[in-house]
């Protein structure tokens, strides 16, 4: 198996494990609740991960204390998958009457 596919497999496993923490089956919290502005919130989170990576890379002697660069990259992969799922209306708790930015969908009325 290609290394890149192994990374995707690891990302899926982590997404599954973290999903159980973030959306405990006994909780009323749903995944969409983490993204009040829909895909825009997900993109903000992805950008924060990119900025963290850039910050760590700027100091070649810096050793991350908690989250490795690999962990940050895997998080970006998972957030990218959330972005696509949200665009397609498939995030748990997503309101079907809202668009990909979690705004109410407008229906154009036809004047007679």
PDB file of N, CA and C in Angstrom:
ATOM      1  N   UNK A   1       0.846  -1.178   0.000  1.00  0.00           N
ATOM      2  CA  UNK A   1       0.000   0.000   0.000  1.00  0.00           C
ATOM      3  C   UNK A   1       0.891   1.240   0.000  1.00  0.00           C
ATOM      4  N   UNK A   2       0.509   2.213  -0.827  1.00  0.00           N
ATOM      5  CA  UNK A   2       1.259   3.465  -0.878  1.00  0.00           C
ATOM      6  C   UNK A   2       1.239   4.141   0.483  1.00  0.00           C
ATOM      7  N   UNK A   3       2.339   4.829   0.790  1.00  0.00           N
ATOM      8  CA  UNK A   3       2.430   5.543   2.067  1.00  0.00           C
ATOM      9  C   UNK A   3       1.314   6.572   2.206  1.00  0.00           C
ATOM     10  N   UNK A   4       0.975   7.263   1.114  1.00  0.00           N
ATOM     11  CA  UNK A   4      -0.079   8.279   1.184  1.00  0.00           C
ATOM     12  C   UNK A   4      -1.430   7.652   1.542  1.00  0.00           C
ATOM     13  N   UNK A   5      -1.680   6.446   1.082  1.00  0.00           N
ATOM     14  CA  UNK A   5      -2.926   5.767   1.432  1.00  0.00           C
ATOM     15  C   UNK A   5      -2.915   5.315   2.895  1.00  0.00           C
ATOM     16  N   UNK A   6      -1.734   4.969   3.397  1.00  0.00           N
ATOM     17  CA  UNK A   6      -1.606   4.630   4.816  1.00  0.00           C
ATOM     18  C   UNK A   6      -1.928   5.855   5.676  1.00  0.00           C
ATOM     19  N   UNK A   7      -1.487   7.020   5.218  1.00  0.00           N
ATOM     20  CA  UNK A   7      -1.777   8.267   5.937  1.00  0.00           C
ATOM     21  C   UNK A   7      -3.288   8.506   5.962  1.00  0.00           C
ATOM     22  N   UNK A   8      -3.949   8.310   4.825  1.00  0.00           N
ATOM     23  CA  UNK A   8      -5.400   8.488   4.767  1.00  0.00           C
ATOM     24  C   UNK A   8      -6.115   7.493   5.683  1.00  0.00           C
ATOM     25  N   UNK A   9      -5.600   6.277   5.723  1.00  0.00           N
ATOM     26  CA  UNK A   9      -6.187   5.259   6.597  1.00  0.00           C
ATOM     27  C   UNK A   9      -6.024   5.672   8.063  1.00  0.00           C
ATOM     28  N   UNK A  10      -4.843   6.186   8.410  1.00  0.00           N
ATOM     29  CA  UNK A  10      -4.602   6.653   9.776  1.00  0.00           C
ATOM     30  C   UNK A  10      -5.514   7.828  10.098  1.00  0.00           C
ATOM     31  N   UNK A  11      -5.694   8.736   9.130  1.00  0.00           N
ATOM     32  CA  UNK A  11      -6.574   9.891   9.330  1.00  0.00           C
ATOM     33  C   UNK A  11      -7.999   9.422   9.612  1.00  0.00           C
ATOM     34  N   UNK A  12      -8.457   8.424   8.875  1.00  0.00           N
ATOM     35  CA  UNK A  12      -9.810   7.895   9.083  1.00  0.00           C
ATOM     36  C   UNK A  12      -9.941   7.269  10.470  1.00  0.00           C
ATOM     37  N   UNK A  13      -8.925   6.541  10.901  1.00  0.00           N
ATOM     38  CA  UNK A  13      -8.961   5.929  12.234  1.00  0.00           C
ATOM     39  C   UNK A  13      -9.006   7.001  13.324  1.00  0.00           C
ATOM     40  N   UNK A  14      -8.208   8.038  13.171  1.00  0.00           N
ATOM     41  CA  UNK A  14      -8.193   9.125  14.150  1.00  0.00           C
ATOM     42  C   UNK A  14      -9.533   9.862  14.141  1.00  0.00           C
ATOM     43  N   UNK A  15     -10.077  10.098  12.957  1.00  0.00           N
ATOM     44  CA  UNK A  15     -11.369  10.776  12.852  1.00  0.00           C
ATOM     45  C   UNK A  15     -12.436   9.978  13.590  1.00  0.00           C
ATOM     46  N   UNK A  16     -12.395   8.679  13.441  1.00  0.00           N
ATOM     47  CA  UNK A  16     -13.356   7.808  14.124  1.00  0.00           C
ATOM     48  C   UNK A  16     -13.203   7.911  15.638  1.00  0.00           C
ATOM     49  N   UNK A  17     -11.975   7.835  16.129  1.00  0.00           N
ATOM     50  CA  UNK A  17     -11.732   7.887  17.575  1.00  0.00           C
ATOM     51  C   UNK A  17     -12.091   9.248  18.152  1.00  0.00           C
ATOM     52  N   UNK A  18     -11.657  10.322  17.504  1.00  0.00           N
ATOM     53  CA  UNK A  18     -11.959  11.667  18.000  1.00  0.00           C
ATOM     54  C   UNK A  18     -13.459  11.941  17.904  1.00  0.00           C
ATOM     55  N   UNK A  19     -14.093  11.402  16.882  1.00  0.00           N
ATOM     56  CA  UNK A  19     -15.524  11.590  16.719  1.00  0.00           C
ATOM     57  C   UNK A  19     -16.304  11.098  17.921  1.00  0.00           C
ATOM     58  N   UNK A  20     -15.841  10.005  18.509  1.00  0.00           N
ATOM     59  CA  UNK A  20     -16.502   9.475  19.697  1.00  0.00           C
ATOM     60  C   UNK A  20     -16.318  10.388  20.903  1.00  0.00           C
ATOM     61  N   UNK A  21     -15.227  11.134  20.938  1.00  0.00           N
ATOM     62  CA  UNK A  21     -15.010  12.092  22.025  1.00  0.00           C
ATOM     63  C   UNK A  21     -15.836  13.354  21.806  1.00  0.00           C
ATOM     64  N   UNK A  22     -15.807  13.879  20.591  1.00  0.00           N
ATOM     65  CA  UNK A  22     -16.478  15.141  20.292  1.00  0.00           C
ATOM     66  C   UNK A  22     -17.995  14.991  20.200  1.00  0.00           C
ATOM     67  N   UNK A  23     -18.455  13.857  19.731  1.00  0.00           N
ATOM     68  CA  UNK A  23     -19.890  13.595  19.633  1.00  0.00           C
ATOM     69  C   UNK A  23     -20.217  12.309  20.387  1.00  0.00           C
ATOM     70  N   UNK A  24     -20.049  12.380  21.679  1.00  0.00           N
ATOM     71  CA  UNK A  24     -20.372  11.254  22.535  1.00  0.00           C
ATOM     72  C   UNK A  24     -21.794  10.785  22.206  1.00  0.00           C
ATOM     73  N   UNK A  25     -21.979   9.495  21.984  1.00  0.00           N
ATOM     74  CA  UNK A  25     -23.313   8.988  21.615  1.00  0.00           C
ATOM     75  C   UNK A  25     -24.410   9.354  22.619  1.00  0.00           C
ATOM     76  N   UNK A  26     -24.048   9.604  23.873  1.00  0.00           N
ATOM     77  CA  UNK A  26     -25.029   9.957  24.900  1.00  0.00           C
ATOM     78  C   UNK A  26     -25.225  11.462  25.025  1.00  0.00           C
ATOM     79  N   UNK A  27     -24.578  12.227  24.179  1.00  0.00           N
ATOM     80  CA  UNK A  27     -24.655  13.681  24.230  1.00  0.00           C
ATOM     81  C   UNK A  27     -25.609  14.204  23.166  1.00  0.00           C
ATOM     82  N   UNK A  28     -26.129  15.385  23.393  1.00  0.00           N
ATOM     83  CA  UNK A  28     -26.969  16.034  22.389  1.00  0.00           C
ATOM     84  C   UNK A  28     -26.134  16.886  21.435  1.00  0.00           C
ATOM     85  N   UNK A  29     -24.834  16.961  21.664  1.00  0.00           N
ATOM     86  CA  UNK A  29     -23.956  17.747  20.800  1.00  0.00           C
ATOM     87  C   UNK A  29     -23.756  16.995  19.486  1.00  0.00           C
ATOM     88  N   UNK A  30     -24.003  17.680  18.372  1.00  0.00           N
ATOM     89  CA  UNK A  30     -23.825  17.100  17.048  1.00  0.00           C
ATOM     90  C   UNK A  30     -22.684  17.811  16.345  1.00  0.00           C
ATOM     91  N   UNK A  31     -22.090  17.156  15.376  1.00  0.00           N
ATOM     92  CA  UNK A  31     -20.906  17.695  14.707  1.00  0.00           C
ATOM     93  C   UNK A  31     -21.157  19.077  14.110  1.00  0.00           C
ATOM     94  N   UNK A  32     -22.304  19.296  13.512  1.00  0.00           N
ATOM     95  CA  UNK A  32     -22.594  20.586  12.879  1.00  0.00           C
ATOM     96  C   UNK A  32     -22.554  21.742  13.876  1.00  0.00           C
ATOM     97  N   UNK A  33     -22.766  21.460  15.139  1.00  0.00           N
ATOM     98  CA  UNK A  33     -22.753  22.510  16.155  1.00  0.00           C
ATOM     99  C   UNK A  33     -21.376  23.143  16.312  1.00  0.00           C
ATOM    100  N   UNK A  34     -20.333  22.442  15.919  1.00  0.00           N
ATOM    101  CA  UNK A  34     -18.974  22.979  15.994  1.00  0.00           C
ATOM    102  C   UNK A  34     -18.696  23.986  14.877  1.00  0.00           C
ATOM    103  N   UNK A  35     -19.567  24.035  13.888  1.00  0.00           N
ATOM    104  CA  UNK A  35     -19.342  24.865  12.706  1.00  0.00           C
ATOM    105  C   UNK A  35     -20.483  25.865  12.517  1.00  0.00           C
ATOM    106  N   UNK A  36     -20.568  26.892  13.366  1.00  0.00           N
ATOM    107  CA  UNK A  36     -21.698  27.828  13.281  1.00  0.00           C
ATOM    108  C   UNK A  36     -21.775  28.580  11.953  1.00  0.00           C
ATOM    109  N   UNK A  37     -20.650  28.723  11.266  1.00  0.00           N
ATOM    110  CA  UNK A  37     -20.658  29.375   9.949  1.00  0.00           C
ATOM    111  C   UNK A  37     -20.385  28.356   8.846  1.00  0.00           C
ATOM    112  N   UNK A  38     -20.716  27.107   9.113  1.00  0.00           N
ATOM    113  CA  UNK A  38     -20.565  26.056   8.120  1.00  0.00           C
ATOM    114  C   UNK A  38     -19.130  25.890   7.646  1.00  0.00           C
ATOM    115  N   UNK A  39     -18.967  25.807   6.337  1.00  0.00           N
ATOM    116  CA  UNK A  39     -17.644  25.589   5.748  1.00  0.00           C
ATOM    117  C   UNK A  39     -16.659  26.700   6.096  1.00  0.00           C
ATOM    118  N   UNK A  40     -17.157  27.908   6.346  1.00  0.00           N
ATOM    119  CA  UNK A  40     -16.261  29.013   6.716  1.00  0.00           C
ATOM    120  C   UNK A  40     -15.584  28.721   8.053  1.00  0.00           C
ATOM    121  N   UNK A  41     -16.306  28.148   9.000  1.00  0.00           N
ATOM    122  CA  UNK A  41     -15.715  27.782  10.287  1.00  0.00           C
ATOM    123  C   UNK A  41     -14.693  26.668  10.106  1.00  0.00           C
ATOM    124  N   UNK A  42     -15.018  25.696   9.279  1.00  0.00           N
ATOM    125  CA  UNK A  42     -14.085  24.592   9.024  1.00  0.00           C
ATOM    126  C   UNK A  42     -12.812  25.138   8.382  1.00  0.00           C
ATOM    127  N   UNK A  43     -12.954  26.048   7.424  1.00  0.00           N
ATOM    128  CA  UNK A  43     -11.793  26.646   6.777  1.00  0.00           C
ATOM    129  C   UNK A  43     -10.949  27.432   7.779  1.00  0.00           C
ATOM    130  N   UNK A  44     -11.591  28.150   8.696  1.00  0.00           N
ATOM    131  CA  UNK A  44     -10.845  28.865   9.748  1.00  0.00           C
ATOM    132  C   UNK A  44      -9.999  27.893  10.566  1.00  0.00           C
ATOM    133  N   UNK A  45     -10.570  26.750  10.898  1.00  0.00           N
ATOM    134  CA  UNK A  45      -9.854  25.744  11.675  1.00  0.00           C
ATOM    135  C   UNK A  45      -8.678  25.184  10.881  1.00  0.00           C
ATOM    136  N   UNK A  46      -8.895  24.941   9.595  1.00  0.00           N
ATOM    137  CA  UNK A  46      -7.814  24.445   8.745  1.00  0.00           C
ATOM    138  C   UNK A  46      -6.686  25.479   8.665  1.00  0.00           C
ATOM    139  N   UNK A  47      -7.068  26.754   8.516  1.00  0.00           N
ATOM    140  CA  UNK A  47      -6.073  27.824   8.437  1.00  0.00           C
ATOM    141  C   UNK A  47      -5.273  27.910   9.729  1.00  0.00           C
ATOM    142  N   UNK A  48      -5.916  27.731  10.880  1.00  0.00           N
ATOM    143  CA  UNK A  48      -5.207  27.743  12.162  1.00  0.00           C
ATOM    144  C   UNK A  48      -4.171  26.618  12.207  1.00  0.00           C
ATOM    145  N   UNK A  49      -4.530  25.464  11.674  1.00  0.00           N
ATOM    146  CA  UNK A  49      -3.578  24.337  11.632  1.00  0.00           C
ATOM    147  C   UNK A  49      -2.393  24.672  10.721  1.00  0.00           C
ATOM    148  N   UNK A  50      -2.664  25.295   9.576  1.00  0.00           N
ATOM    149  CA  UNK A  50      -1.588  25.681   8.654  1.00  0.00           C
ATOM    150  C   UNK A  50      -0.670  26.697   9.326  1.00  0.00           C
ATOM    151  N   UNK A  51      -1.248  27.671  10.025  1.00  0.00           N
ATOM    152  CA  UNK A  51      -0.432  28.678  10.717  1.00  0.00           C
ATOM    153  C   UNK A  51       0.433  28.036  11.787  1.00  0.00           C
ATOM    154  N   UNK A  52      -0.102  27.057  12.495  1.00  0.00           N
ATOM    155  CA  UNK A  52       0.683  26.347  13.504  1.00  0.00           C
ATOM    156  C   UNK A  52       1.865  25.634  12.852  1.00  0.00           C
ATOM    157  N   UNK A  53       1.617  24.987  11.733  1.00  0.00           N
ATOM    158  CA  UNK A  53       2.699  24.298  11.017  1.00  0.00           C
ATOM    159  C   UNK A  53       3.759  25.306  10.591  1.00  0.00           C
ATOM    160  N   UNK A  54       3.326  26.435  10.033  1.00  0.00           N
ATOM    161  CA  UNK A  54       4.283  27.460   9.605  1.00  0.00           C
ATOM    162  C   UNK A  54       5.098  27.968  10.786  1.00  0.00           C
ATOM    163  N   UNK A  55       4.453  28.167  11.911  1.00  0.00           N
ATOM    164  CA  UNK A  55       5.140  28.651  13.101  1.00  0.00           C
ATOM    165  C   UNK A  55       6.228  27.668  13.549  1.00  0.00           C
ATOM    166  N   UNK A  56       5.889  26.405  13.582  1.00  0.00           N
ATOM    167  CA  UNK A  56       6.856  25.381  13.995  1.00  0.00           C
ATOM    168  C   UNK A  56       7.997  25.277  12.989  1.00  0.00           C
ATOM    169  N   UNK A  57       7.690  25.360  11.701  1.00  0.00           N
ATOM    170  CA  UNK A  57       8.718  25.215  10.663  1.00  0.00           C
ATOM    171  C   UNK A  57       9.693  26.384  10.617  1.00  0.00           C
ATOM    172  N   UNK A  58       9.272  27.560  11.085  1.00  0.00           N
ATOM    173  CA  UNK A  58      10.141  28.733  11.033  1.00  0.00           C
ATOM    174  C   UNK A  58      11.348  28.611  11.952  1.00  0.00           C
ATOM    175  N   UNK A  59      11.247  27.796  12.981  1.00  0.00           N
ATOM    176  CA  UNK A  59      12.371  27.600  13.911  1.00  0.00           C
ATOM    177  C   UNK A  59      12.819  26.152  13.785  1.00  0.00           C
ATOM    178  N   UNK A  60      13.905  25.937  13.026  1.00  0.00           N
ATOM    179  CA  UNK A  60      14.342  24.558  12.773  1.00  0.00           C
ATOM    180  C   UNK A  60      14.835  23.845  14.019  1.00  0.00           C
ATOM    181  N   UNK A  61      15.078  24.575  15.108  1.00  0.00           N
ATOM    182  CA  UNK A  61      15.505  23.955  16.359  1.00  0.00           C
ATOM    183  C   UNK A  61      14.344  23.689  17.315  1.00  0.00           C
ATOM    184  N   UNK A  62      13.148  24.122  16.919  1.00  0.00           N
ATOM    185  CA  UNK A  62      11.994  23.972  17.799  1.00  0.00           C
ATOM    186  C   UNK A  62      11.479  22.541  17.760  1.00  0.00           C
ATOM    187  N   UNK A  63      11.192  22.009  18.923  1.00  0.00           N
ATOM    188  CA  UNK A  63      10.627  20.663  19.044  1.00  0.00           C
ATOM    189  C   UNK A  63       9.220  20.804  19.621  1.00  0.00           C
ATOM    190  N   UNK A  64       8.194  20.504  18.845  1.00  0.00           N
ATOM    191  CA  UNK A  64       6.822  20.676  19.347  1.00  0.00           C
ATOM    192  C   UNK A  64       6.617  19.948  20.675  1.00  0.00           C
ATOM    193  N   UNK A  65       5.904  20.602  21.575  1.00  0.00           N
ATOM    194  CA  UNK A  65       5.668  20.046  22.908  1.00  0.00           C
ATOM    195  C   UNK A  65       4.573  18.993  22.937  1.00  0.00           C
ATOM    196  N   UNK A  66       3.571  19.167  22.096  1.00  0.00           N
ATOM    197  CA  UNK A  66       2.416  18.290  22.218  1.00  0.00           C
ATOM    198  C   UNK A  66       2.044  17.633  20.902  1.00  0.00           C
ATOM    199  N   UNK A  67       1.688  18.432  19.925  1.00  0.00           N
ATOM    200  CA  UNK A  67       1.175  17.910  18.660  1.00  0.00           C
ATOM    201  C   UNK A  67       2.266  17.944  17.593  1.00  0.00           C
ATOM    202  N   UNK A  68       2.552  16.802  17.007  1.00  0.00           N
ATOM    203  CA  UNK A  68       3.579  16.737  15.968  1.00  0.00           C
ATOM    204  C   UNK A  68       3.079  17.385  14.677  1.00  0.00           C
ATOM    205  N   UNK A  69       4.008  17.669  13.776  1.00  0.00           N
ATOM    206  CA  UNK A  69       3.617  18.189  12.466  1.00  0.00           C
ATOM    207  C   UNK A  69       2.740  17.177  11.740  1.00  0.00           C
ATOM    208  N   UNK A  70       3.049  15.909  11.892  1.00  0.00           N
ATOM    209  CA  UNK A  70       2.225  14.857  11.275  1.00  0.00           C
ATOM    210  C   UNK A  70       0.797  14.927  11.813  1.00  0.00           C
ATOM    211  N   UNK A  71       0.654  15.114  13.127  1.00  0.00           N
ATOM    212  CA  UNK A  71      -0.683  15.220  13.717  1.00  0.00           C
ATOM    213  C   UNK A  71      -1.453  16.400  13.116  1.00  0.00           C
ATOM    214  N   UNK A  72      -0.773  17.531  12.961  1.00  0.00           N
ATOM    215  CA  UNK A  72      -1.420  18.709  12.390  1.00  0.00           C
ATOM    216  C   UNK A  72      -1.847  18.455  10.948  1.00  0.00           C
ATOM    217  N   UNK A  73      -1.007  17.784  10.191  1.00  0.00           N
ATOM    218  CA  UNK A  73      -1.342  17.475   8.794  1.00  0.00           C
ATOM    219  C   UNK A  73      -2.533  16.524   8.717  1.00  0.00           C
ATOM    220  N   UNK A  74      -2.567  15.541   9.588  1.00  0.00           N
ATOM    221  CA  UNK A  74      -3.695  14.609   9.606  1.00  0.00           C
ATOM    222  C   UNK A  74      -4.979  15.341   9.994  1.00  0.00           C
ATOM    223  N   UNK A  75      -4.870  16.280  10.927  1.00  0.00           N
ATOM    224  CA  UNK A  75      -6.041  17.087  11.282  1.00  0.00           C
ATOM    225  C   UNK A  75      -6.556  17.858  10.068  1.00  0.00           C
ATOM    226  N   UNK A  76      -5.649  18.411   9.275  1.00  0.00           N
ATOM    227  CA  UNK A  76      -6.051  19.156   8.072  1.00  0.00           C
ATOM    228  C   UNK A  76      -6.773  18.226   7.090  1.00  0.00           C
ATOM    229  N   UNK A  77      -6.251  17.021   6.928  1.00  0.00           N
ATOM    230  CA  UNK A  77      -6.911  16.038   6.063  1.00  0.00           C
ATOM    231  C   UNK A  77      -8.344  15.811   6.541  1.00  0.00           C
ATOM    232  N   UNK A  78      -8.495  15.615   7.851  1.00  0.00           N
ATOM    233  CA  UNK A  78      -9.827  15.338   8.382  1.00  0.00           C
ATOM    234  C   UNK A  78     -10.754  16.544   8.254  1.00  0.00           C
ATOM    235  N   UNK A  79     -10.229  17.744   8.520  1.00  0.00           N
ATOM    236  CA  UNK A  79     -11.072  18.930   8.358  1.00  0.00           C
ATOM    237  C   UNK A  79     -11.455  19.136   6.890  1.00  0.00           C
ATOM    238  N   UNK A  80     -10.560  18.784   5.971  1.00  0.00           N
ATOM    239  CA  UNK A  80     -10.898  18.878   4.547  1.00  0.00           C
ATOM    240  C   UNK A  80     -12.049  17.925   4.223  1.00  0.00           C
ATOM    241  N   UNK A  81     -12.049  16.752   4.839  1.00  0.00           N
ATOM    242  CA  UNK A  81     -13.146  15.810   4.593  1.00  0.00           C
ATOM    243  C   UNK A  81     -14.449  16.341   5.198  1.00  0.00           C
ATOM    244  N   UNK A  82     -14.362  17.019   6.355  1.00  0.00           N
ATOM    245  CA  UNK A  82     -15.560  17.637   6.945  1.00  0.00           C
ATOM    246  C   UNK A  82     -16.094  18.734   6.029  1.00  0.00           C
ATOM    247  N   UNK A  83     -15.179  19.500   5.429  1.00  0.00           N
ATOM    248  CA  UNK A  83     -15.561  20.582   4.522  1.00  0.00           C
ATOM    249  C   UNK A  83     -16.397  20.017   3.367  1.00  0.00           C
ATOM    250  N   UNK A  84     -15.899  18.962   2.743  1.00  0.00           N
ATOM    251  CA  UNK A  84     -16.609  18.345   1.614  1.00  0.00           C
ATOM    252  C   UNK A  84     -17.945  17.763   2.074  1.00  0.00           C
ATOM    253  N   UNK A  85     -17.930  17.084   3.214  1.00  0.00           N
ATOM    254  CA  UNK A  85     -19.177  16.501   3.725  1.00  0.00           C
ATOM    255  C   UNK A  85     -20.199  17.592   4.027  1.00  0.00           C
ATOM    256  N   UNK A  86     -19.739  18.716   4.583  1.00  0.00           N
ATOM    257  CA  UNK A  86     -20.656  19.813   4.892  1.00  0.00           C
ATOM    258  C   UNK A  86     -21.227  20.413   3.604  1.00  0.00           C
ATOM    259  N   UNK A  87     -20.360  20.607   2.600  1.00  0.00           N
ATOM    260  CA  UNK A  87     -20.837  21.131   1.312  1.00  0.00           C
ATOM    261  C   UNK A  87     -21.925  20.246   0.729  1.00  0.00           C
ATOM    262  N   UNK A  88     -21.801  18.943   0.950  1.00  0.00           N
ATOM    263  CA  UNK A  88     -22.749  17.981   0.402  1.00  0.00           C
ATOM    264  C   UNK A  88     -23.942  17.723   1.320  1.00  0.00           C
ATOM    265  N   UNK A  89     -23.993  18.438   2.454  1.00  0.00           N
ATOM    266  CA  UNK A  89     -25.123  18.301   3.368  1.00  0.00           C
ATOM    267  C   UNK A  89     -25.128  17.043   4.198  1.00  0.00           C
ATOM    268  N   UNK A  90     -23.936  16.483   4.483  1.00  0.00           N
ATOM    269  CA  UNK A  90     -23.873  15.203   5.172  1.00  0.00           C
ATOM    270  C   UNK A  90     -23.144  15.247   6.507  1.00  0.00           C
ATOM    271  N   UNK A  91     -23.206  16.369   7.212  1.00  0.00           N
ATOM    272  CA  UNK A  91     -22.628  16.458   8.553  1.00  0.00           C
ATOM    273  C   UNK A  91     -23.748  16.235   9.564  1.00  0.00           C
ATOM    274  N   UNK A  92     -23.491  15.400  10.549  1.00  0.00           N
ATOM    275  CA  UNK A  92     -24.484  15.089  11.565  1.00  0.00           C
ATOM    276  C   UNK A  92     -24.977  16.376  12.238  1.00  0.00           C
ATOM    277  N   UNK A  93     -26.269  16.587  12.205  1.00  0.00           N
ATOM    278  CA  UNK A  93     -26.872  17.752  12.825  1.00  0.00           C
ATOM    279  C   UNK A  93     -26.991  18.962  11.914  1.00  0.00           C
ATOM    280  N   UNK A  94     -26.542  18.819  10.684  1.00  0.00           N
ATOM    281  CA  UNK A  94     -26.613  19.926   9.725  1.00  0.00           C
ATOM    282  C   UNK A  94     -28.067  20.175   9.347  1.00  0.00           C
ATOM    283  N   UNK A  95     -28.484  21.431   9.352  1.00  0.00           N
ATOM    284  CA  UNK A  95     -29.869  21.777   9.027  1.00  0.00           C
ATOM    285  C   UNK A  95     -30.059  21.754   7.510  1.00  0.00           C
ATOM    286  N   UNK A  96     -30.978  20.954   7.007  1.00  0.00           N
ATOM    287  CA  UNK A  96     -31.153  20.820   5.551  1.00  0.00           C
ATOM    288  C   UNK A  96     -31.643  22.094   4.860  1.00  0.00           C
ATOM    289  N   UNK A  97     -32.189  23.022   5.623  1.00  0.00           N
ATOM    290  CA  UNK A  97     -32.675  24.275   5.023  1.00  0.00           C
ATOM    291  C   UNK A  97     -31.596  25.357   4.979  1.00  0.00           C
ATOM    292  N   UNK A  98     -30.379  25.007   5.400  1.00  0.00           N
ATOM    293  CA  UNK A  98     -29.279  25.967   5.380  1.00  0.00           C
ATOM    294  C   UNK A  98     -28.263  25.594   4.315  1.00  0.00           C
ATOM    295  N   UNK A  99     -27.538  26.599   3.823  1.00  0.00           N
ATOM    296  CA  UNK A  99     -26.537  26.354   2.784  1.00  0.00           C
ATOM    297  C   UNK A  99     -25.196  25.940   3.393  1.00  0.00           C
ATOM    298  N   UNK A 100     -24.158  25.884   2.591  1.00  0.00           N
ATOM    299  CA  UNK A 100     -22.856  25.406   3.039  1.00  0.00           C
ATOM    300  C   UNK A 100     -22.160  26.368   4.007  1.00  0.00           C
ATOM    301  N   UNK A 101     -22.690  27.573   4.148  1.00  0.00           N
ATOM    302  CA  UNK A 101     -22.183  28.531   5.136  1.00  0.00           C
ATOM    303  C   UNK A 101     -23.147  28.639   6.321  1.00  0.00           C
ATOM    304  N   UNK A 102     -24.053  27.690   6.410  1.00  0.00           N
ATOM    305  CA  UNK A 102     -25.054  27.594   7.474  1.00  0.00           C
ATOM    306  C   UNK A 102     -26.013  28.782   7.484  1.00  0.00           C
ATOM    307  N   UNK A 103     -26.227  29.359   6.329  1.00  0.00           N
ATOM    308  CA  UNK A 103     -27.201  30.445   6.187  1.00  0.00           C
ATOM    309  C   UNK A 103     -28.493  29.849   5.645  1.00  0.00           C
ATOM    310  N   UNK A 104     -29.626  30.397   6.070  1.00  0.00           N
ATOM    311  CA  UNK A 104     -30.893  29.887   5.501  1.00  0.00           C
ATOM    312  C   UNK A 104     -30.869  30.012   3.984  1.00  0.00           C
ATOM    313  N   UNK A 105     -31.268  28.941   3.323  1.00  0.00           N
ATOM    314  CA  UNK A 105     -31.351  28.958   1.859  1.00  0.00           C
ATOM    315  C   UNK A 105     -32.487  29.879   1.470  1.00  0.00           C
ATOM    316  N   UNK A 106     -32.223  30.659   0.449  1.00  0.00           N
ATOM    317  CA  UNK A 106     -33.290  31.539  -0.050  1.00  0.00           C
ATOM    318  C   UNK A 106     -33.874  30.908  -1.301  1.00  0.00           C
ATOM    319  N   UNK A 107     -35.160  31.031  -1.399  1.00  0.00           N
ATOM    320  CA  UNK A 107     -35.830  30.526  -2.597  1.00  0.00           C
ATOM    321  C   UNK A 107     -36.323  31.734  -3.377  1.00  0.00           C
ATOM    322  N   UNK A 108     -35.918  31.794  -4.600  1.00  0.00           N
ATOM    323  CA  UNK A 108     -36.324  32.910  -5.456  1.00  0.00           C
ATOM    324  C   UNK A 108     -37.785  32.723  -5.834  1.00  0.00           C
ATOM    325  N   UNK A 109     -38.562  33.723  -5.549  1.00  0.00           N
ATOM    326  CA  UNK A 109     -39.980  33.627  -5.928  1.00  0.00           C
ATOM    327  C   UNK A 109     -40.160  34.160  -7.345  1.00  0.00           C
ATOM    328  N   UNK A 110     -40.965  33.482  -8.084  1.00  0.00           N
ATOM    329  CA  UNK A 110     -41.226  33.856  -9.465  1.00  0.00           C
ATOM    330  C   UNK A 110     -42.427  34.796  -9.473  1.00  0.00           C
ATOM    331  N   UNK A 111     -42.203  35.983 -10.024  1.00  0.00           N
ATOM    332  CA  UNK A 111     -43.326  36.940 -10.108  1.00  0.00           C
ATOM    333  C   UNK A 111     -44.220  36.551 -11.262  1.00  0.00           C
ATOM    334  N   UNK A 112     -45.504  36.638 -11.008  1.00  0.00           N
ATOM    335  CA  UNK A 112     -46.449  36.257 -12.051  1.00  0.00           C
ATOM    336  C   UNK A 112     -46.917  37.455 -12.820  1.00  0.00           C
TER     337      UNK A 112
END
